[in-house]
């Protein structure tokens, strides 16, 4: 059996069974040991350290997020424990929208391969729907800023109509508005979307 990567308690401390004070950065050079440790808290520490190391490399962060979750699955932990630890890891290793979608696709493929869907399809659909709504809101905000800058403030009706567009329509509008020369072009484009 391997020695724990976590520090031993000090035997002379009256609090030895309650608290252990450690500096997490001291474990950077012991990452392999943390990843092999059976204590789930070792993976939480590894996630914290990987979050620090991957601040500037989101692609590498995505890879580590998936690897850490795979380690949780492989340890045979209960679904509740995996989901609880995953929420913490997900918070630490947050990803931009596109990479988050790639992460979920990779996780789904891994779960199907291993036949262990710990994050239910309902949870995943909810997360994906949230991601899609975020993308939609971001695109709408960009289109509205571009139109306001180019033609001045839009009417409330125009703003509401643009906010009601589907994602593919918003994308099409963001491309089309490059050819608009007046507000009449926007009105014509919007009326084509209704028919």
Protein backbone atom coordinates (compact mmCIF):
# COMPACT_ATOMS: atom_id res chain seq x y z
CA UNK A 1 0.00 0.00 0.00
CA UNK A 2 1.29 3.42 -0.92
CA UNK A 3 1.97 6.14 1.65
CA UNK A 4 -0.55 8.91 1.45
CA UNK A 5 0.49 12.04 -0.41
CA UNK A 6 -1.24 14.01 2.29
CA UNK A 7 0.88 15.09 5.27
CA UNK A 8 0.91 13.12 8.50
CA UNK A 9 -0.57 14.72 11.58
CA UNK A 10 1.77 15.95 14.26
CA UNK A 11 1.63 13.55 17.17
CA UNK A 12 2.17 16.19 19.84
CA UNK A 13 -0.75 18.34 18.69
CA UNK A 14 -3.99 18.07 20.67
CA UNK A 15 -5.81 18.79 17.39
CA UNK A 16 -4.01 16.09 15.42
CA UNK A 17 -7.23 14.33 14.43
CA UNK A 18 -9.06 17.52 13.48
CA UNK A 19 -6.76 19.81 11.54
CA UNK A 20 -3.61 19.59 9.47
CA UNK A 21 -2.08 22.78 8.18
CA UNK A 22 -0.45 22.44 4.77
CA UNK A 23 0.71 24.73 1.99
CA UNK A 24 -0.78 23.32 -1.20
CA UNK A 25 1.91 24.78 -3.45
CA UNK A 26 4.40 22.51 -1.69
CA UNK A 27 2.68 19.62 -3.47
CA UNK A 28 3.44 20.81 -7.01
CA UNK A 29 6.48 18.56 -7.19
CA UNK A 30 4.46 15.63 -5.79
CA UNK A 31 1.71 15.66 -8.42
CA UNK A 32 2.25 12.01 -9.41
CA UNK A 33 1.86 10.95 -5.81
CA UNK A 34 -1.32 13.02 -5.44
CA UNK A 35 -2.82 11.44 -8.56
CA UNK A 36 -2.07 7.93 -7.30
CA UNK A 37 -3.34 8.54 -3.78
CA UNK A 38 -6.64 6.79 -2.99
CA UNK A 39 -7.81 9.68 -0.79
CA UNK A 40 -10.35 11.68 -2.89
CA UNK A 41 -9.09 14.86 -1.25
CA UNK A 42 -5.75 14.30 -3.02
CA UNK A 43 -7.56 14.76 -6.34
CA UNK A 44 -9.14 17.97 -5.02
CA UNK A 45 -5.64 19.24 -4.19
CA UNK A 46 -4.42 18.18 -7.63
CA UNK A 47 -7.32 20.08 -9.22
CA UNK A 48 -6.38 23.23 -7.30
CA UNK A 49 -2.76 22.93 -8.40
CA UNK A 50 -3.75 22.26 -12.03
CA UNK A 51 -6.01 25.33 -11.94
CA UNK A 52 -2.99 27.45 -10.97
CA UNK A 53 -0.77 25.83 -13.59
CA UNK A 54 -3.25 26.17 -16.47
CA UNK A 55 -4.41 29.77 -16.05
CA UNK A 56 -2.94 30.67 -19.44
CA UNK A 57 -3.49 27.33 -21.21
CA UNK A 58 -7.20 26.54 -21.40
CA UNK A 59 -6.70 23.56 -23.73
CA UNK A 60 -4.41 21.93 -21.17
CA UNK A 61 -6.95 22.82 -18.45
CA UNK A 62 -9.65 20.97 -20.40
CA UNK A 63 -7.41 17.90 -20.64
CA UNK A 64 -6.68 17.93 -16.91
CA UNK A 65 -10.32 18.43 -16.03
CA UNK A 66 -11.18 15.29 -17.99
CA UNK A 67 -8.24 13.31 -16.57
CA UNK A 68 -9.15 14.19 -12.99
CA UNK A 69 -12.75 13.18 -13.54
CA UNK A 70 -11.63 9.89 -15.08
CA UNK A 71 -9.54 9.25 -11.96
CA UNK A 72 -12.66 9.73 -9.83
CA UNK A 73 -14.56 7.21 -11.96
CA UNK A 74 -11.73 4.69 -11.85
CA UNK A 75 -11.52 4.83 -8.05
CA UNK A 76 -14.95 3.25 -7.79
CA UNK A 77 -16.40 6.06 -5.71
CA UNK A 78 -20.14 6.40 -5.25
CA UNK A 79 -22.07 8.53 -7.74
CA UNK A 80 -22.82 11.09 -5.02
CA UNK A 81 -19.17 11.46 -4.10
CA UNK A 82 -18.10 11.73 -7.75
CA UNK A 83 -20.75 14.35 -8.50
CA UNK A 84 -19.83 16.30 -5.36
CA UNK A 85 -16.11 16.29 -6.16
CA UNK A 86 -16.82 17.03 -9.80
CA UNK A 87 -18.73 20.19 -8.87
CA UNK A 88 -15.64 21.38 -7.02
CA UNK A 89 -13.31 20.44 -9.90
CA UNK A 90 -15.69 22.05 -12.42
CA UNK A 91 -15.60 25.27 -10.41
CA UNK A 92 -11.80 25.26 -10.12
CA UNK A 93 -11.11 24.30 -13.73
CA UNK A 94 -13.67 26.51 -15.44
CA UNK A 95 -13.45 26.65 -19.23
CA UNK A 96 -14.61 29.03 -21.93
CA UNK A 97 -17.83 27.98 -23.66
CA UNK A 98 -16.32 26.24 -26.69
CA UNK A 99 -13.87 24.19 -24.64
CA UNK A 100 -16.58 23.39 -22.09
CA UNK A 101 -18.68 21.90 -24.88
CA UNK A 102 -15.67 19.86 -26.07
CA UNK A 103 -15.13 18.69 -22.49
CA UNK A 104 -18.73 17.45 -22.20
CA UNK A 105 -18.47 15.65 -25.52
CA UNK A 106 -15.27 13.90 -24.37
CA UNK A 107 -16.83 13.02 -21.03
CA UNK A 108 -19.92 11.62 -22.74
CA UNK A 109 -17.77 9.43 -25.00
CA UNK A 110 -15.79 8.19 -21.98
CA UNK A 111 -18.94 7.41 -20.01
CA UNK A 112 -20.45 5.51 -22.94
CA UNK A 113 -17.23 3.55 -23.41
CA UNK A 114 -17.13 2.66 -19.71
CA UNK A 115 -20.93 2.36 -19.37
CA UNK A 116 -20.92 4.60 -16.31
CA UNK A 117 -23.08 7.71 -16.82
CA UNK A 118 -22.58 9.45 -13.48
CA UNK A 119 -23.57 12.82 -14.83
CA UNK A 120 -27.07 12.07 -16.06
CA UNK A 121 -28.26 13.03 -19.49
CA UNK A 122 -30.79 15.39 -17.88
CA UNK A 123 -27.96 17.18 -16.03
CA UNK A 124 -25.85 17.27 -19.18
CA UNK A 125 -28.73 18.58 -21.31
CA UNK A 126 -29.35 21.28 -18.73
CA UNK A 127 -25.69 22.27 -18.77
CA UNK A 128 -25.55 22.23 -22.57
CA UNK A 129 -28.73 24.29 -22.76
CA UNK A 130 -27.18 26.80 -20.38
CA UNK A 131 -24.04 26.93 -22.51
CA UNK A 132 -26.13 27.47 -25.67
CA UNK A 133 -28.11 30.25 -23.98
CA UNK A 134 -24.85 31.88 -22.94
CA UNK A 135 -23.53 31.72 -26.49
CA UNK A 136 -26.81 33.13 -27.82
CA UNK A 137 -26.80 36.01 -25.33
CA UNK A 138 -23.19 36.79 -26.15
CA UNK A 139 -23.84 36.87 -29.91
CA UNK A 140 -26.93 39.03 -29.47
CA UNK A 141 -24.96 41.48 -27.33
CA UNK A 142 -22.23 41.74 -29.99
CA UNK A 143 -24.75 42.24 -32.82
CA UNK A 144 -26.59 44.93 -30.85
CA UNK A 145 -23.32 46.76 -30.09
CA UNK A 146 -22.30 46.61 -33.76
CA UNK A 147 -25.65 47.91 -34.94
CA UNK A 148 -25.74 50.68 -32.32
CA UNK A 149 -22.25 51.77 -33.26
CA UNK A 150 -22.98 51.73 -36.97
CA UNK A 151 -26.49 53.25 -37.05
CA UNK A 152 -27.11 54.73 -33.61
CA UNK A 153 -29.53 53.53 -30.96
CA UNK A 154 -32.07 50.92 -32.05
CA UNK A 155 -35.73 51.14 -31.17
CA UNK A 156 -37.06 48.97 -28.36
CA UNK A 157 -39.02 46.96 -30.94
CA UNK A 158 -35.88 46.31 -33.02
CA UNK A 159 -33.87 45.31 -29.95
CA UNK A 160 -36.63 42.96 -28.80
CA UNK A 161 -36.91 41.41 -32.25
CA UNK A 162 -33.15 40.80 -32.44
CA UNK A 163 -33.14 39.31 -28.94
CA UNK A 164 -35.84 36.89 -30.07
CA UNK A 165 -33.82 35.49 -32.97
CA UNK A 166 -32.58 31.90 -32.90
CA UNK A 167 -28.83 31.33 -32.66
CA UNK A 168 -28.42 30.57 -36.37
CA UNK A 169 -30.39 33.71 -37.26
CA UNK A 170 -28.25 35.82 -34.93
CA UNK A 171 -25.13 34.43 -36.57
CA UNK A 172 -26.55 35.19 -40.01
CA UNK A 173 -27.42 38.74 -38.91
CA UNK A 174 -23.89 39.32 -37.59
CA UNK A 175 -22.54 38.42 -41.04
CA UNK A 176 -25.21 40.31 -43.01
CA UNK A 177 -24.88 43.54 -41.07
CA UNK A 178 -21.43 44.01 -42.57
CA UNK A 179 -23.19 44.77 -45.87
CA UNK A 180 -25.89 47.05 -44.40
CA UNK A 181 -25.66 50.69 -45.43
CA UNK A 182 -28.69 51.99 -43.56
CA UNK A 183 -31.27 51.12 -40.95
CA UNK A 184 -33.59 50.21 -43.84
CA UNK A 185 -31.30 47.25 -44.61
CA UNK A 186 -31.77 45.98 -41.06
CA UNK A 187 -35.55 46.38 -41.30
CA UNK A 188 -35.60 44.48 -44.61
CA UNK A 189 -33.45 41.69 -43.17
CA UNK A 190 -35.69 41.37 -40.09
CA UNK A 191 -38.86 41.27 -42.21
CA UNK A 192 -37.35 38.41 -44.28
CA UNK A 193 -36.89 36.42 -41.08
CA UNK A 194 -40.60 36.65 -40.28
CA UNK A 195 -41.72 35.16 -43.60
